[in-house]
Amino acid sequence: MKIKNIFCAAMLALPLGAGAVHADALDDIKARGTLICGTLGTSEPFSFQDAATRTLVGYDVDICKLVADSLGVDVEYKLLAVAARIPELDSGRIDILAANLGWTPERAEQIAFSHQYYVTPQKLLVRADSDIQTIDDLVGKRVGATKGSSSEQLIQQRLPESRVIGYADSPATFLSLQQRKVDAQFASELVLVRLVNQSPESAPTRILEQSVVDEPWGLGLRKGEDALLAEVNTALEEAEASGEAAALFDKWFGEDTAYGLTRSFQIQPIAAD
């Protein structure tokens, strides 16, 4: 398993379509013998470095490996910053994104999405001593989110009168919440559960029960790569039918993990509404 780091802000300045992008990505992947998968590497339990083995592990990592196995090729992982995900895909430096990529209408105009392979409620985290009880209590207040994420877009749309502040990642946003620079943090439920578990006793936090939106996540591909998209969706459908997809969910999120979540979705096409 190969891993490469790409944390280059300069990449964002490249025009869309820069790089060696070929007419048929599926043929290129099979000729190369490797599927190049872009992932974050900093988002436990989706993709992160195992402290004991120093290897890249996680749900997104396993999903990419599942797709590569179905294609009959190896997998190579490239680590991306959140804001670099779509530019790196468009440039042709990666074949597929498995990187906490929530479906939005704006993104769907830029890239193609596979079937949903994860669905997460997007919720709000506040300090335990906060008077905030519902999302409506945040009108006109400050909300933190990961810069460039779908969470940032969604909360801006939901709270247009509030000040949404973007941070480099979830831990940075969480630190800002603890320092009272924002009144709430908006992110996926799983991210927030992890942060609550890590909250120091001196600065407890709580998640608002109300879900703002349930967000489907898909694998990202370049538009026009219909053959590759069909193969990816077939791999996901077969994993759903065989029970492999459910087993991967339980491995990373189930009752024997720190999250204790129950799978409430199936792999299926993303509903555009």
C-alpha atoms as a PDB file:
ATOM      1  CA  MET A   1       0.000   0.000   0.000  1.00  0.00           C
ATOM      2  CA  LYS A   2       1.536   3.296  -1.108  1.00  0.00           C
ATOM      3  CA  ILE A   3       0.757   6.595   0.575  1.00  0.00           C
ATOM      4  CA  LYS A   4       1.673  10.057  -0.679  1.00  0.00           C
ATOM      5  CA  ASN A   5       1.017  13.407   0.992  1.00  0.00           C
ATOM      6  CA  ILE A   6      -0.422  16.328  -0.958  1.00  0.00           C
ATOM      7  CA  PHE A   7      -0.891  19.422   1.166  1.00  0.00           C
ATOM      8  CA  CYS A   8      -0.093  22.034  -1.483  1.00  0.00           C
ATOM      9  CA  ALA A   9      -2.074  25.223  -1.473  1.00  0.00           C
ATOM     10  CA  ALA A  10      -0.495  25.990  -4.813  1.00  0.00           C
ATOM     11  CA  MET A  11      -2.492  23.163  -6.342  1.00  0.00           C
ATOM     12  CA  LEU A  12      -5.638  25.200  -5.832  1.00  0.00           C
ATOM     13  CA  ALA A  13      -4.432  27.731  -8.366  1.00  0.00           C
ATOM     14  CA  LEU A  14      -4.227  25.169 -11.154  1.00  0.00           C
ATOM     15  CA  PRO A  15      -6.940  25.424 -13.785  1.00  0.00           C
ATOM     16  CA  LEU A  16      -9.489  22.675 -13.893  1.00  0.00           C
ATOM     17  CA  GLY A  17      -8.420  19.872 -16.152  1.00  0.00           C
ATOM     18  CA  ALA A  18      -4.687  20.539 -15.696  1.00  0.00           C
ATOM     19  CA  GLY A  19      -2.492  17.464 -15.767  1.00  0.00           C
ATOM     20  CA  ALA A  20      -2.514  14.272 -17.714  1.00  0.00           C
ATOM     21  CA  VAL A  21      -6.182  13.332 -17.832  1.00  0.00           C
ATOM     22  CA  HIS A  22      -6.952  10.621 -20.361  1.00  0.00           C
ATOM     23  CA  ALA A  23     -10.145   9.894 -22.221  1.00  0.00           C
ATOM     24  CA  ASP A  24     -10.887   6.619 -20.423  1.00  0.00           C
ATOM     25  CA  ALA A  25      -9.837   6.468 -16.784  1.00  0.00           C
ATOM     26  CA  LEU A  26     -10.913   2.832 -16.400  1.00  0.00           C
ATOM     27  CA  ASP A  27      -8.549   1.677 -19.155  1.00  0.00           C
ATOM     28  CA  ASP A  28      -5.753   3.776 -17.669  1.00  0.00           C
ATOM     29  CA  ILE A  29      -6.270   2.300 -14.199  1.00  0.00           C
ATOM     30  CA  LYS A  30      -6.234  -1.263 -15.481  1.00  0.00           C
ATOM     31  CA  ALA A  31      -3.190  -0.632 -17.662  1.00  0.00           C
ATOM     32  CA  ARG A  32      -1.397   0.965 -14.709  1.00  0.00           C
ATOM     33  CA  GLY A  33      -2.528  -1.781 -12.343  1.00  0.00           C
ATOM     34  CA  THR A  34      -3.266   0.750  -9.606  1.00  0.00           C
ATOM     35  CA  LEU A  35      -6.283   2.771  -8.458  1.00  0.00           C
ATOM     36  CA  ILE A  36      -5.119   6.119  -7.053  1.00  0.00           C
ATOM     37  CA  CYS A  37      -7.471   7.088  -4.237  1.00  0.00           C
ATOM     38  CA  GLY A  38      -7.500  10.521  -2.638  1.00  0.00           C
ATOM     39  CA  THR A  39      -8.393  10.588   1.051  1.00  0.00           C
ATOM     40  CA  LEU A  40      -7.866  12.864   4.046  1.00  0.00           C
ATOM     41  CA  GLY A  41      -5.695  10.808   6.388  1.00  0.00           C
ATOM     42  CA  THR A  42      -6.696  12.972   9.364  1.00  0.00           C
ATOM     43  CA  SER A  43     -10.334  11.974   9.868  1.00  0.00           C
ATOM     44  CA  GLU A  44     -10.690   9.043  12.261  1.00  0.00           C
ATOM     45  CA  PRO A  45     -12.298   6.559  11.717  1.00  0.00           C
ATOM     46  CA  PHE A  46     -12.569   7.296   7.980  1.00  0.00           C
ATOM     47  CA  SER A  47      -8.871   7.610   7.151  1.00  0.00           C
ATOM     48  CA  PHE A  48      -6.099   8.027   9.705  1.00  0.00           C
ATOM     49  CA  GLN A  49      -2.726   6.654  10.732  1.00  0.00           C
ATOM     50  CA  ASP A  50      -2.866   3.676  13.072  1.00  0.00           C
ATOM     51  CA  ALA A  51      -0.684   4.533  16.067  1.00  0.00           C
ATOM     52  CA  ALA A  52       0.626   0.990  16.452  1.00  0.00           C
ATOM     53  CA  THR A  53       1.354   0.062  12.836  1.00  0.00           C
ATOM     54  CA  ARG A  54       1.905   3.565  11.382  1.00  0.00           C
ATOM     55  CA  THR A  55      -0.231   2.525   8.402  1.00  0.00           C
ATOM     56  CA  LEU A  56      -3.235   4.281   6.880  1.00  0.00           C
ATOM     57  CA  VAL A  57      -6.497   2.696   8.030  1.00  0.00           C
ATOM     58  CA  GLY A  58     -10.190   3.528   8.212  1.00  0.00           C
ATOM     59  CA  TYR A  59     -13.596   3.154   6.583  1.00  0.00           C
ATOM     60  CA  ASP A  60     -12.726   5.250   3.512  1.00  0.00           C
ATOM     61  CA  VAL A  61      -9.451   3.339   3.171  1.00  0.00           C
ATOM     62  CA  ASP A  62     -11.320   0.016   3.203  1.00  0.00           C
ATOM     63  CA  ILE A  63     -13.934   1.290   0.731  1.00  0.00           C
ATOM     64  CA  CYS A  64     -11.187   2.273  -1.727  1.00  0.00           C
ATOM     65  CA  LYS A  65      -9.550  -1.126  -1.268  1.00  0.00           C
ATOM     66  CA  LEU A  66     -12.928  -2.783  -1.915  1.00  0.00           C
ATOM     67  CA  VAL A  67     -13.291  -0.917  -5.224  1.00  0.00           C
ATOM     68  CA  ALA A  68      -9.693  -1.665  -6.259  1.00  0.00           C
ATOM     69  CA  ASP A  69     -10.173  -5.367  -5.507  1.00  0.00           C
ATOM     70  CA  SER A  70     -13.302  -5.388  -7.659  1.00  0.00           C
ATOM     71  CA  LEU A  71     -11.324  -3.791 -10.513  1.00  0.00           C
ATOM     72  CA  GLY A  72      -8.526  -6.330 -10.045  1.00  0.00           C
ATOM     73  CA  VAL A  73      -5.851  -3.709  -9.321  1.00  0.00           C
ATOM     74  CA  ASP A  74      -3.756  -2.461  -6.391  1.00  0.00           C
ATOM     75  CA  VAL A  75      -4.608   0.729  -4.515  1.00  0.00           C
ATOM     76  CA  GLU A  76      -2.418   3.760  -3.852  1.00  0.00           C
ATOM     77  CA  TYR A  77      -3.533   6.438  -1.391  1.00  0.00           C
ATOM     78  CA  LYS A  78      -2.799  10.140  -1.657  1.00  0.00           C
ATOM     79  CA  LEU A  79      -3.523  12.326   1.352  1.00  0.00           C
ATOM     80  CA  LEU A  80      -5.361  15.567   0.633  1.00  0.00           C
ATOM     81  CA  ALA A  81      -6.391  18.709   2.431  1.00  0.00           C
ATOM     82  CA  VAL A  82     -10.168  19.231   2.422  1.00  0.00           C
ATOM     83  CA  ALA A  83     -10.004  22.206   0.061  1.00  0.00           C
ATOM     84  CA  ALA A  84      -7.721  20.300  -2.368  1.00  0.00           C
ATOM     85  CA  ARG A  85     -10.045  17.350  -2.945  1.00  0.00           C
ATOM     86  CA  ILE A  86     -11.869  18.444  -6.103  1.00  0.00           C
ATOM     87  CA  PRO A  87      -8.904  20.323  -7.628  1.00  0.00           C
ATOM     88  CA  GLU A  88      -6.734  17.206  -7.253  1.00  0.00           C
ATOM     89  CA  LEU A  89      -9.428  15.047  -8.849  1.00  0.00           C
ATOM     90  CA  ASP A  90      -9.942  17.471 -11.734  1.00  0.00           C
ATOM     91  CA  SER A  91      -6.195  17.669 -12.337  1.00  0.00           C
ATOM     92  CA  GLY A  92      -6.012  13.917 -12.980  1.00  0.00           C
ATOM     93  CA  ARG A  93      -3.549  13.257 -10.171  1.00  0.00           C
ATOM     94  CA  ILE A  94      -6.043  10.930  -8.493  1.00  0.00           C
ATOM     95  CA  ASP A  95      -8.677   8.590  -9.919  1.00  0.00           C
ATOM     96  CA  ILE A  96     -11.260   8.640  -7.154  1.00  0.00           C
ATOM     97  CA  LEU A  97     -12.081  10.478  -3.931  1.00  0.00           C
ATOM     98  CA  ALA A  98     -12.987   8.748  -0.668  1.00  0.00           C
ATOM     99  CA  ALA A  99     -12.632  11.797   1.522  1.00  0.00           C
ATOM    100  CA  ASN A 100     -15.693  12.684   3.611  1.00  0.00           C
ATOM    101  CA  LEU A 101     -17.294  13.982   0.415  1.00  0.00           C
ATOM    102  CA  GLY A 102     -20.877  14.997   1.085  1.00  0.00           C
ATOM    103  CA  TRP A 103     -23.211  15.376  -1.891  1.00  0.00           C
ATOM    104  CA  THR A 104     -24.332  18.924  -2.654  1.00  0.00           C
ATOM    105  CA  PRO A 105     -25.941  20.329  -5.818  1.00  0.00           C
ATOM    106  CA  GLU A 106     -22.906  22.571  -6.328  1.00  0.00           C
ATOM    107  CA  ARG A 107     -20.465  19.666  -6.136  1.00  0.00           C
ATOM    108  CA  ALA A 108     -22.654  17.534  -8.375  1.00  0.00           C
ATOM    109  CA  GLU A 109     -22.165  20.159 -11.089  1.00  0.00           C
ATOM    110  CA  GLN A 110     -18.379  19.821 -10.748  1.00  0.00           C
ATOM    111  CA  ILE A 111     -17.847  16.073 -10.336  1.00  0.00           C
ATOM    112  CA  ALA A 112     -19.665  12.753 -10.577  1.00  0.00           C
ATOM    113  CA  PHE A 113     -20.778  10.939  -7.427  1.00  0.00           C
ATOM    114  CA  SER A 114     -21.035   7.198  -6.881  1.00  0.00           C
ATOM    115  CA  HIS A 115     -23.878   5.615  -4.936  1.00  0.00           C
ATOM    116  CA  GLN A 116     -23.976   6.698  -1.315  1.00  0.00           C
ATOM    117  CA  TYR A 117     -21.661   4.582   0.808  1.00  0.00           C
ATOM    118  CA  TYR A 118     -22.227   6.515   4.038  1.00  0.00           C
ATOM    119  CA  VAL A 119     -24.963   8.799   5.344  1.00  0.00           C
ATOM    120  CA  THR A 120     -24.428  11.111   8.274  1.00  0.00           C
ATOM    121  CA  PRO A 121     -26.682  13.445  10.223  1.00  0.00           C
ATOM    122  CA  GLN A 122     -25.166  16.927  10.341  1.00  0.00           C
ATOM    123  CA  LYS A 123     -25.519  18.364  13.842  1.00  0.00           C
ATOM    124  CA  LEU A 124     -24.393  21.167  16.115  1.00  0.00           C
ATOM    125  CA  LEU A 125     -22.019  20.974  19.067  1.00  0.00           C
ATOM    126  CA  VAL A 126     -22.103  23.552  21.857  1.00  0.00           C
ATOM    127  CA  ARG A 127     -20.432  24.015  25.217  1.00  0.00           C
ATOM    128  CA  ALA A 128     -22.223  22.207  28.039  1.00  0.00           C
ATOM    129  CA  ASP A 129     -22.915  25.506  29.834  1.00  0.00           C
ATOM    130  CA  SER A 130     -24.419  27.131  26.739  1.00  0.00           C
ATOM    131  CA  ASP A 131     -28.039  28.326  26.709  1.00  0.00           C
ATOM    132  CA  ILE A 132     -28.370  27.184  23.082  1.00  0.00           C
ATOM    133  CA  GLN A 133     -30.939  24.386  22.752  1.00  0.00           C
ATOM    134  CA  THR A 134     -31.962  24.455  19.081  1.00  0.00           C
ATOM    135  CA  ILE A 135     -30.557  25.649  15.796  1.00  0.00           C
ATOM    136  CA  ASP A 136     -32.860  28.680  15.914  1.00  0.00           C
ATOM    137  CA  ASP A 137     -31.001  29.880  19.001  1.00  0.00           C
ATOM    138  CA  LEU A 138     -27.940  30.387  16.786  1.00  0.00           C
ATOM    139  CA  VAL A 139     -29.479  33.047  14.560  1.00  0.00           C
ATOM    140  CA  GLY A 140     -27.057  35.969  14.528  1.00  0.00           C
ATOM    141  CA  LYS A 141     -24.369  34.057  16.436  1.00  0.00           C
ATOM    142  CA  ARG A 142     -20.999  32.571  15.425  1.00  0.00           C
ATOM    143  CA  VAL A 143     -20.772  29.021  14.070  1.00  0.00           C
ATOM    144  CA  GLY A 144     -17.540  27.200  13.237  1.00  0.00           C
ATOM    145  CA  ALA A 145     -17.100  24.591  10.495  1.00  0.00           C
ATOM    146  CA  THR A 146     -14.290  23.050   8.479  1.00  0.00           C
ATOM    147  CA  LYS A 147     -13.330  25.430   5.680  1.00  0.00           C
ATOM    148  CA  GLY A 148     -14.250  24.114   2.224  1.00  0.00           C
ATOM    149  CA  SER A 149     -16.477  21.355   3.608  1.00  0.00           C
ATOM    150  CA  SER A 150     -20.105  20.690   2.745  1.00  0.00           C
ATOM    151  CA  SER A 151     -20.854  21.398   6.413  1.00  0.00           C
ATOM    152  CA  GLU A 152     -19.639  24.964   5.941  1.00  0.00           C
ATOM    153  CA  GLN A 153     -21.899  25.392   2.895  1.00  0.00           C
ATOM    154  CA  LEU A 154     -24.921  23.829   4.568  1.00  0.00           C
ATOM    155  CA  ILE A 155     -24.787  25.902   7.741  1.00  0.00           C
ATOM    156  CA  GLN A 156     -24.299  29.113   5.748  1.00  0.00           C
ATOM    157  CA  GLN A 157     -27.477  28.278   3.850  1.00  0.00           C
ATOM    158  CA  ARG A 158     -29.397  27.322   6.991  1.00  0.00           C
ATOM    159  CA  LEU A 159     -28.237  30.313   9.057  1.00  0.00           C
ATOM    160  CA  PRO A 160     -27.717  33.170   6.575  1.00  0.00           C
ATOM    161  CA  GLU A 161     -27.933  35.771   9.345  1.00  0.00           C
ATOM    162  CA  SER A 162     -25.209  34.110  11.407  1.00  0.00           C
ATOM    163  CA  ARG A 163     -21.460  34.434  11.053  1.00  0.00           C
ATOM    164  CA  VAL A 164     -19.958  31.144   9.797  1.00  0.00           C
ATOM    165  CA  ILE A 165     -16.206  30.911  10.439  1.00  0.00           C
ATOM    166  CA  GLY A 166     -14.136  28.344   8.529  1.00  0.00           C
ATOM    167  CA  TYR A 167     -11.229  26.496  10.150  1.00  0.00           C
ATOM    168  CA  ALA A 168      -8.591  24.136   8.770  1.00  0.00           C
ATOM    169  CA  ASP A 169     -10.146  21.001  10.273  1.00  0.00           C
ATOM    170  CA  SER A 170     -12.517  19.719  12.967  1.00  0.00           C
ATOM    171  CA  PRO A 171      -9.977  19.811  15.837  1.00  0.00           C
ATOM    172  CA  ALA A 172      -9.181  23.450  15.055  1.00  0.00           C
ATOM    173  CA  THR A 173     -12.895  24.280  15.038  1.00  0.00           C
ATOM    174  CA  PHE A 174     -13.359  22.422  18.320  1.00  0.00           C
ATOM    175  CA  LEU A 175     -10.514  24.380  19.925  1.00  0.00           C
ATOM    176  CA  SER A 176     -12.171  27.604  18.827  1.00  0.00           C
ATOM    177  CA  LEU A 177     -15.422  26.446  20.462  1.00  0.00           C
ATOM    178  CA  GLN A 178     -13.583  25.722  23.706  1.00  0.00           C
ATOM    179  CA  GLN A 179     -11.944  29.138  23.544  1.00  0.00           C
ATOM    180  CA  ARG A 180     -15.385  30.748  23.078  1.00  0.00           C
ATOM    181  CA  LYS A 181     -14.472  32.206  19.698  1.00  0.00           C
ATOM    182  CA  VAL A 182     -17.588  30.544  18.245  1.00  0.00           C
ATOM    183  CA  ASP A 183     -20.911  29.636  19.854  1.00  0.00           C
ATOM    184  CA  ALA A 184     -21.310  26.264  18.119  1.00  0.00           C
ATOM    185  CA  GLN A 185     -19.537  23.829  15.817  1.00  0.00           C
ATOM    186  CA  PHE A 186     -21.309  22.258  12.846  1.00  0.00           C
ATOM    187  CA  ALA A 187     -20.154  18.896  11.496  1.00  0.00           C
ATOM    188  CA  SER A 188     -21.224  15.298  10.959  1.00  0.00           C
ATOM    189  CA  GLU A 189     -22.590  13.507  13.999  1.00  0.00           C
ATOM    190  CA  LEU A 190     -19.699  11.062  13.991  1.00  0.00           C
ATOM    191  CA  VAL A 191     -17.087  13.819  14.057  1.00  0.00           C
ATOM    192  CA  LEU A 192     -18.916  15.483  16.916  1.00  0.00           C
ATOM    193  CA  VAL A 193     -19.239  12.235  18.894  1.00  0.00           C
ATOM    194  CA  ARG A 194     -15.495  11.791  18.606  1.00  0.00           C
ATOM    195  CA  LEU A 195     -14.862  15.339  19.793  1.00  0.00           C
ATOM    196  CA  VAL A 196     -17.235  14.948  22.751  1.00  0.00           C
ATOM    197  CA  ASN A 197     -15.394  11.765  23.745  1.00  0.00           C
ATOM    198  CA  GLN A 198     -12.157  13.732  23.677  1.00  0.00           C
ATOM    199  CA  SER A 199     -13.529  16.744  25.569  1.00  0.00           C
ATOM    200  CA  PRO A 200     -11.586  17.516  28.743  1.00  0.00           C
ATOM    201  CA  GLU A 201     -13.592  17.418  31.966  1.00  0.00           C
ATOM    202  CA  SER A 202     -12.832  21.090  32.406  1.00  0.00           C
ATOM    203  CA  ALA A 203     -14.552  21.961  29.108  1.00  0.00           C
ATOM    204  CA  PRO A 204     -17.500  19.596  28.546  1.00  0.00           C
ATOM    205  CA  THR A 205     -19.607  19.834  25.404  1.00  0.00           C
ATOM    206  CA  ARG A 206     -22.944  18.482  24.186  1.00  0.00           C
ATOM    207  CA  ILE A 207     -24.522  17.724  20.808  1.00  0.00           C
ATOM    208  CA  LEU A 208     -27.898  19.246  19.993  1.00  0.00           C
ATOM    209  CA  GLU A 209     -30.405  16.472  19.367  1.00  0.00           C
ATOM    210  CA  GLN A 210     -31.944  18.162  16.325  1.00  0.00           C
ATOM    211  CA  SER A 211     -30.341  17.102  13.039  1.00  0.00           C
ATOM    212  CA  VAL A 212     -29.930  19.986  10.609  1.00  0.00           C
ATOM    213  CA  VAL A 213     -29.739  17.675   7.576  1.00  0.00           C
ATOM    214  CA  ASP A 214     -28.912  14.052   6.748  1.00  0.00           C
ATOM    215  CA  GLU A 215     -26.023  14.155   4.301  1.00  0.00           C
ATOM    216  CA  PRO A 216     -25.209  11.313   1.865  1.00  0.00           C
ATOM    217  CA  TRP A 217     -21.546  10.739   1.068  1.00  0.00           C
ATOM    218  CA  GLY A 218     -20.363   9.376  -2.265  1.00  0.00           C
ATOM    219  CA  LEU A 219     -17.088   8.539  -3.929  1.00  0.00           C
ATOM    220  CA  GLY A 220     -16.034  11.361  -6.226  1.00  0.00           C
ATOM    221  CA  LEU A 221     -15.010  10.839  -9.859  1.00  0.00           C
ATOM    222  CA  ARG A 222     -14.422  13.121 -12.815  1.00  0.00           C
ATOM    223  CA  LYS A 223     -17.433  13.786 -14.987  1.00  0.00           C
ATOM    224  CA  GLY A 224     -17.529  11.826 -18.209  1.00  0.00           C
ATOM    225  CA  GLU A 225     -15.858   8.719 -16.787  1.00  0.00           C
ATOM    226  CA  ASP A 226     -19.022   6.661 -17.174  1.00  0.00           C
ATOM    227  CA  ALA A 227     -17.283   3.292 -17.505  1.00  0.00           C
ATOM    228  CA  LEU A 228     -15.344   3.793 -14.274  1.00  0.00           C
ATOM    229  CA  LEU A 229     -18.421   5.098 -12.455  1.00  0.00           C
ATOM    230  CA  ALA A 230     -20.409   2.027 -13.503  1.00  0.00           C
ATOM    231  CA  GLU A 231     -17.664  -0.298 -12.211  1.00  0.00           C
ATOM    232  CA  VAL A 232     -17.436   1.598  -8.918  1.00  0.00           C
ATOM    233  CA  ASN A 233     -21.202   1.421  -8.394  1.00  0.00           C
ATOM    234  CA  THR A 234     -21.193  -2.292  -9.232  1.00  0.00           C
ATOM    235  CA  ALA A 235     -18.488  -2.881  -6.616  1.00  0.00           C
ATOM    236  CA  LEU A 236     -20.528  -1.013  -4.004  1.00  0.00           C
ATOM    237  CA  GLU A 237     -23.756  -2.833  -4.930  1.00  0.00           C
ATOM    238  CA  GLU A 238     -22.044  -6.207  -4.647  1.00  0.00           C
ATOM    239  CA  ALA A 239     -20.603  -5.262  -1.255  1.00  0.00           C
ATOM    240  CA  GLU A 240     -24.087  -4.297  -0.072  1.00  0.00           C
ATOM    241  CA  ALA A 241     -25.632  -7.543  -1.333  1.00  0.00           C
ATOM    242  CA  SER A 242     -22.913  -9.730   0.192  1.00  0.00           C
ATOM    243  CA  GLY A 243     -22.972  -8.029   3.582  1.00  0.00           C
ATOM    244  CA  GLU A 244     -19.399  -6.782   3.208  1.00  0.00           C
ATOM    245  CA  ALA A 245     -20.501  -3.146   3.318  1.00  0.00           C
ATOM    246  CA  ALA A 246     -22.438  -3.665   6.555  1.00  0.00           C
ATOM    247  CA  ALA A 247     -19.449  -5.489   8.057  1.00  0.00           C
ATOM    248  CA  LEU A 248     -17.174  -2.553   7.234  1.00  0.00           C
ATOM    249  CA  PHE A 249     -19.617  -0.183   8.909  1.00  0.00           C
ATOM    250  CA  ASP A 250     -19.707  -2.326  12.046  1.00  0.00           C
ATOM    251  CA  LYS A 251     -15.912  -2.575  12.033  1.00  0.00           C
ATOM    252  CA  TRP A 252     -15.449   1.198  12.230  1.00  0.00           C
ATOM    253  CA  PHE A 253     -18.688   2.551  13.739  1.00  0.00           C
ATOM    254  CA  GLY A 254     -20.611  -0.334  15.352  1.00  0.00           C
ATOM    255  CA  GLU A 255     -21.430  -1.289  18.915  1.00  0.00           C
ATOM    256  CA  ASP A 256     -17.930  -2.620  19.627  1.00  0.00           C
ATOM    257  CA  THR A 257     -16.350   0.739  18.749  1.00  0.00           C
ATOM    258  CA  ALA A 258     -16.153   4.032  20.634  1.00  0.00           C
ATOM    259  CA  TYR A 259     -19.060   5.348  18.546  1.00  0.00           C
ATOM    260  CA  GLY A 260     -21.671   2.662  19.079  1.00  0.00           C
ATOM    261  CA  LEU A 261     -23.656   3.598  15.960  1.00  0.00           C
ATOM    262  CA  THR A 262     -26.295   1.508  14.199  1.00  0.00           C
ATOM    263  CA  ARG A 263     -26.303   1.459  10.398  1.00  0.00           C
ATOM    264  CA  SER A 264     -29.468   3.224   9.230  1.00  0.00           C
ATOM    265  CA  PHE A 265     -28.769   3.398   5.490  1.00  0.00           C
ATOM    266  CA  GLN A 266     -28.054   1.161   2.525  1.00  0.00           C
ATOM    267  CA  ILE A 267     -25.814   1.662  -0.467  1.00  0.00           C
ATOM    268  CA  GLN A 268     -28.028   3.087  -3.194  1.00  0.00           C
ATOM    269  CA  PRO A 269     -28.134   5.982  -5.682  1.00  0.00           C
ATOM    270  CA  ILE A 270     -28.021   9.410  -4.076  1.00  0.00           C
ATOM    271  CA  ALA A 271     -31.379  11.184  -4.230  1.00  0.00           C
ATOM    272  CA  ALA A 272     -30.795  14.562  -5.858  1.00  0.00           C
ATOM    273  CA  ASP A 273     -33.317  16.273  -3.571  1.00  0.00           C
END
